[in-house]
């Protein structure tokens, strides 16, 4: 196996920040890299491919736990893909639940937006008042947070 990429090269080839690569190493998704005499991380094509696999899974909103399971399944060449089917079926169900949660969130936000007609001074703003009451337009579920809806 030819190890010819430093982490910056791997990051560029996989279109992934070096910080993310280090994180995946800490989380055990990428094996610890070989080190050069100057202590640089060294990677090969296998790591480029594995990182691409991980990034594709993340783009499908799979958790690190799900990705670990899929990587373990991939490492058993003669195994059938039944475990991968089950994992993907569970993920599809989870996505369906999240879609319902996001639709409920959208409904709450639209109701909150309707509480305030034209732009007013902040003291009379229906949006700020509704948020201050802790319930968007009277919804009992307004305290729920939907994972993955924003980054901060």
C-alpha atoms as a PDB file:
ATOM      1  CA  UNK A   1       0.000   0.000   0.000  1.00  0.00           C
ATOM      2  CA  UNK A   2       1.431   3.320  -1.049  1.00  0.00           C
ATOM      3  CA  UNK A   3       1.168   6.043   1.592  1.00  0.00           C
ATOM      4  CA  UNK A   4       1.722   9.256  -0.252  1.00  0.00           C
ATOM      5  CA  UNK A   5      -0.751  11.796   1.118  1.00  0.00           C
ATOM      6  CA  UNK A   6      -0.327  14.122   4.041  1.00  0.00           C
ATOM      7  CA  UNK A   7      -3.489  15.200   5.831  1.00  0.00           C
ATOM      8  CA  UNK A   8      -3.737  18.369   3.725  1.00  0.00           C
ATOM      9  CA  UNK A   9      -3.578  16.249   0.554  1.00  0.00           C
ATOM     10  CA  UNK A  10      -6.229  13.859   1.890  1.00  0.00           C
ATOM     11  CA  UNK A  11      -8.414  16.799   2.861  1.00  0.00           C
ATOM     12  CA  UNK A  12      -8.136  18.252  -0.627  1.00  0.00           C
ATOM     13  CA  UNK A  13      -8.761  14.927  -2.401  1.00  0.00           C
ATOM     14  CA  UNK A  14     -11.767  14.090  -0.233  1.00  0.00           C
ATOM     15  CA  UNK A  15     -13.026  17.695  -0.056  1.00  0.00           C
ATOM     16  CA  UNK A  16     -13.085  17.440   3.695  1.00  0.00           C
ATOM     17  CA  UNK A  17     -11.473  19.708   6.303  1.00  0.00           C
ATOM     18  CA  UNK A  18      -8.390  18.299   8.022  1.00  0.00           C
ATOM     19  CA  UNK A  19     -10.096  18.970  11.356  1.00  0.00           C
ATOM     20  CA  UNK A  20     -12.915  16.591  10.346  1.00  0.00           C
ATOM     21  CA  UNK A  21     -10.385  13.927   9.363  1.00  0.00           C
ATOM     22  CA  UNK A  22      -8.764  14.191  12.808  1.00  0.00           C
ATOM     23  CA  UNK A  23     -12.224  13.973  14.407  1.00  0.00           C
ATOM     24  CA  UNK A  24     -13.053  10.800  12.445  1.00  0.00           C
ATOM     25  CA  UNK A  25      -9.727   9.347  13.579  1.00  0.00           C
ATOM     26  CA  UNK A  26     -10.532  10.137  17.233  1.00  0.00           C
ATOM     27  CA  UNK A  27     -13.986   8.573  16.799  1.00  0.00           C
ATOM     28  CA  UNK A  28     -12.484   5.406  15.313  1.00  0.00           C
ATOM     29  CA  UNK A  29     -14.049   5.787  11.859  1.00  0.00           C
ATOM     30  CA  UNK A  30     -10.623   6.180  10.287  1.00  0.00           C
ATOM     31  CA  UNK A  31      -7.824   4.004  11.627  1.00  0.00           C
ATOM     32  CA  UNK A  32      -4.822   5.778  13.128  1.00  0.00           C
ATOM     33  CA  UNK A  33      -2.564   6.834  10.282  1.00  0.00           C
ATOM     34  CA  UNK A  34       0.999   5.778   9.710  1.00  0.00           C
ATOM     35  CA  UNK A  35       3.461   8.514  10.668  1.00  0.00           C
ATOM     36  CA  UNK A  36       6.423   9.746   8.675  1.00  0.00           C
ATOM     37  CA  UNK A  37       9.877  10.224  10.171  1.00  0.00           C
ATOM     38  CA  UNK A  38       8.866  13.875  10.663  1.00  0.00           C
ATOM     39  CA  UNK A  39       5.670  12.722  12.462  1.00  0.00           C
ATOM     40  CA  UNK A  40       3.349  13.732   9.610  1.00  0.00           C
ATOM     41  CA  UNK A  41       0.213  11.666   9.146  1.00  0.00           C
ATOM     42  CA  UNK A  42       0.470   9.572   5.975  1.00  0.00           C
ATOM     43  CA  UNK A  43      -2.508   8.273   4.016  1.00  0.00           C
ATOM     44  CA  UNK A  44      -3.124   6.211   0.905  1.00  0.00           C
ATOM     45  CA  UNK A  45      -5.910   5.594  -1.573  1.00  0.00           C
ATOM     46  CA  UNK A  46      -7.689   3.255   0.855  1.00  0.00           C
ATOM     47  CA  UNK A  47      -8.115   6.117   3.321  1.00  0.00           C
ATOM     48  CA  UNK A  48      -9.339   8.418   0.532  1.00  0.00           C
ATOM     49  CA  UNK A  49     -11.983   5.828  -0.379  1.00  0.00           C
ATOM     50  CA  UNK A  50     -12.970   5.194   3.254  1.00  0.00           C
ATOM     51  CA  UNK A  51     -13.282   8.908   3.938  1.00  0.00           C
ATOM     52  CA  UNK A  52     -15.447   9.296   0.830  1.00  0.00           C
ATOM     53  CA  UNK A  53     -17.675   6.474   2.117  1.00  0.00           C
ATOM     54  CA  UNK A  54     -17.968   8.148   5.533  1.00  0.00           C
ATOM     55  CA  UNK A  55     -18.736  11.531   4.007  1.00  0.00           C
ATOM     56  CA  UNK A  56     -21.418  10.037   1.779  1.00  0.00           C
ATOM     57  CA  UNK A  57     -23.021   8.385   4.812  1.00  0.00           C
ATOM     58  CA  UNK A  58     -22.912  11.710   6.675  1.00  0.00           C
ATOM     59  CA  UNK A  59     -24.552  13.431   3.695  1.00  0.00           C
ATOM     60  CA  UNK A  60     -27.419  10.951   4.192  1.00  0.00           C
ATOM     61  CA  UNK A  61     -27.582  12.127   7.834  1.00  0.00           C
ATOM     62  CA  UNK A  62     -26.349   8.831   9.242  1.00  0.00           C
ATOM     63  CA  UNK A  63     -25.007   8.870  12.761  1.00  0.00           C
ATOM     64  CA  UNK A  64     -21.431   7.938  13.611  1.00  0.00           C
ATOM     65  CA  UNK A  65     -22.786   4.779  15.238  1.00  0.00           C
ATOM     66  CA  UNK A  66     -24.586   3.793  12.020  1.00  0.00           C
ATOM     67  CA  UNK A  67     -21.465   4.504   9.986  1.00  0.00           C
ATOM     68  CA  UNK A  68     -19.349   2.370  12.337  1.00  0.00           C
ATOM     69  CA  UNK A  69     -21.804  -0.487  11.825  1.00  0.00           C
ATOM     70  CA  UNK A  70     -21.687  -0.108   8.040  1.00  0.00           C
ATOM     71  CA  UNK A  71     -17.887  -0.027   8.085  1.00  0.00           C
ATOM     72  CA  UNK A  72     -17.851  -3.261  10.120  1.00  0.00           C
ATOM     73  CA  UNK A  73     -20.251  -4.854   7.623  1.00  0.00           C
ATOM     74  CA  UNK A  74     -17.977  -3.782   4.749  1.00  0.00           C
ATOM     75  CA  UNK A  75     -14.989  -5.451   6.408  1.00  0.00           C
ATOM     76  CA  UNK A  76     -16.587  -8.923   6.183  1.00  0.00           C
ATOM     77  CA  UNK A  77     -16.360  -9.690   2.456  1.00  0.00           C
ATOM     78  CA  UNK A  78     -18.341 -12.936   2.482  1.00  0.00           C
ATOM     79  CA  UNK A  79     -21.196 -11.723   4.682  1.00  0.00           C
ATOM     80  CA  UNK A  80     -24.542 -10.967   3.126  1.00  0.00           C
ATOM     81  CA  UNK A  81     -25.974  -7.486   3.295  1.00  0.00           C
ATOM     82  CA  UNK A  82     -28.933  -8.291   5.562  1.00  0.00           C
ATOM     83  CA  UNK A  83     -27.479  -6.189   8.386  1.00  0.00           C
ATOM     84  CA  UNK A  84     -27.037  -3.248   6.006  1.00  0.00           C
ATOM     85  CA  UNK A  85     -30.678  -3.623   4.914  1.00  0.00           C
ATOM     86  CA  UNK A  86     -31.879  -3.560   8.527  1.00  0.00           C
ATOM     87  CA  UNK A  87     -29.717  -0.559   9.350  1.00  0.00           C
ATOM     88  CA  UNK A  88     -30.950   1.380   6.332  1.00  0.00           C
ATOM     89  CA  UNK A  89     -34.587   0.466   7.061  1.00  0.00           C
ATOM     90  CA  UNK A  90     -34.178   1.826  10.603  1.00  0.00           C
ATOM     91  CA  UNK A  91     -32.563   4.974   9.254  1.00  0.00           C
ATOM     92  CA  UNK A  92     -35.392   5.484   6.757  1.00  0.00           C
ATOM     93  CA  UNK A  93     -37.911   5.161   9.610  1.00  0.00           C
ATOM     94  CA  UNK A  94     -35.927   7.699  11.655  1.00  0.00           C
ATOM     95  CA  UNK A  95     -35.880  10.119   8.701  1.00  0.00           C
ATOM     96  CA  UNK A  96     -39.674   9.764   8.396  1.00  0.00           C
ATOM     97  CA  UNK A  97     -40.104  10.684  12.056  1.00  0.00           C
ATOM     98  CA  UNK A  98     -37.814  13.686  11.616  1.00  0.00           C
ATOM     99  CA  UNK A  99     -39.802  14.828   8.586  1.00  0.00           C
ATOM    100  CA  UNK A 100     -42.964  14.767  10.696  1.00  0.00           C
ATOM    101  CA  UNK A 101     -41.187  16.706  13.453  1.00  0.00           C
ATOM    102  CA  UNK A 102     -39.926  19.264  10.934  1.00  0.00           C
ATOM    103  CA  UNK A 103     -43.415  19.680   9.480  1.00  0.00           C
ATOM    104  CA  UNK A 104     -44.754  20.303  12.994  1.00  0.00           C
ATOM    105  CA  UNK A 105     -41.933  22.792  13.575  1.00  0.00           C
ATOM    106  CA  UNK A 106     -42.760  24.592  10.332  1.00  0.00           C
ATOM    107  CA  UNK A 107     -46.406  24.821  11.407  1.00  0.00           C
ATOM    108  CA  UNK A 108     -45.385  26.281  14.784  1.00  0.00           C
ATOM    109  CA  UNK A 109     -43.075  28.840  13.185  1.00  0.00           C
ATOM    110  CA  UNK A 110     -45.731  29.922  10.699  1.00  0.00           C
ATOM    111  CA  UNK A 111     -48.262  30.290  13.514  1.00  0.00           C
ATOM    112  CA  UNK A 112     -45.741  32.356  15.467  1.00  0.00           C
ATOM    113  CA  UNK A 113     -45.113  34.518  12.413  1.00  0.00           C
ATOM    114  CA  UNK A 114     -48.864  35.164  12.056  1.00  0.00           C
ATOM    115  CA  UNK A 115     -48.920  36.564  15.613  1.00  0.00           C
ATOM    116  CA  UNK A 116     -47.258  39.699  14.338  1.00  0.00           C
ATOM    117  CA  UNK A 117     -48.632  41.554  11.346  1.00  0.00           C
ATOM    118  CA  UNK A 118     -46.766  44.642  10.222  1.00  0.00           C
ATOM    119  CA  UNK A 119     -43.375  45.496  11.697  1.00  0.00           C
ATOM    120  CA  UNK A 120     -43.783  47.179  15.100  1.00  0.00           C
ATOM    121  CA  UNK A 121     -41.643  48.338  17.975  1.00  0.00           C
ATOM    122  CA  UNK A 122     -40.141  45.318  19.750  1.00  0.00           C
ATOM    123  CA  UNK A 123     -42.352  45.835  22.831  1.00  0.00           C
ATOM    124  CA  UNK A 124     -45.445  45.080  20.735  1.00  0.00           C
ATOM    125  CA  UNK A 125     -43.895  42.385  18.526  1.00  0.00           C
ATOM    126  CA  UNK A 126     -46.100  39.296  18.505  1.00  0.00           C
ATOM    127  CA  UNK A 127     -43.174  37.069  17.595  1.00  0.00           C
ATOM    128  CA  UNK A 128     -41.079  38.172  20.565  1.00  0.00           C
ATOM    129  CA  UNK A 129     -44.116  37.968  22.853  1.00  0.00           C
ATOM    130  CA  UNK A 130     -44.919  34.453  21.629  1.00  0.00           C
ATOM    131  CA  UNK A 131     -41.345  33.307  22.111  1.00  0.00           C
ATOM    132  CA  UNK A 132     -41.333  34.865  25.576  1.00  0.00           C
ATOM    133  CA  UNK A 133     -44.431  32.882  26.550  1.00  0.00           C
ATOM    134  CA  UNK A 134     -42.626  29.693  25.554  1.00  0.00           C
ATOM    135  CA  UNK A 135     -45.360  28.498  23.240  1.00  0.00           C
ATOM    136  CA  UNK A 136     -45.549  29.255  19.578  1.00  0.00           C
ATOM    137  CA  UNK A 137     -49.177  30.092  18.879  1.00  0.00           C
ATOM    138  CA  UNK A 138     -50.369  27.945  21.752  1.00  0.00           C
ATOM    139  CA  UNK A 139     -48.697  24.734  20.630  1.00  0.00           C
ATOM    140  CA  UNK A 140     -47.956  22.385  23.493  1.00  0.00           C
ATOM    141  CA  UNK A 141     -45.033  20.926  21.574  1.00  0.00           C
ATOM    142  CA  UNK A 142     -43.194  24.189  20.955  1.00  0.00           C
ATOM    143  CA  UNK A 143     -40.445  23.295  23.437  1.00  0.00           C
ATOM    144  CA  UNK A 144     -39.255  20.403  21.249  1.00  0.00           C
ATOM    145  CA  UNK A 145     -35.995  20.788  19.406  1.00  0.00           C
ATOM    146  CA  UNK A 146     -35.613  19.005  16.113  1.00  0.00           C
ATOM    147  CA  UNK A 147     -32.075  17.642  15.761  1.00  0.00           C
ATOM    148  CA  UNK A 148     -30.245  18.611  12.622  1.00  0.00           C
ATOM    149  CA  UNK A 149     -32.402  21.584  11.655  1.00  0.00           C
ATOM    150  CA  UNK A 150     -29.668  24.165  12.006  1.00  0.00           C
ATOM    151  CA  UNK A 151     -26.065  24.579  12.963  1.00  0.00           C
ATOM    152  CA  UNK A 152     -24.614  26.923  15.481  1.00  0.00           C
END
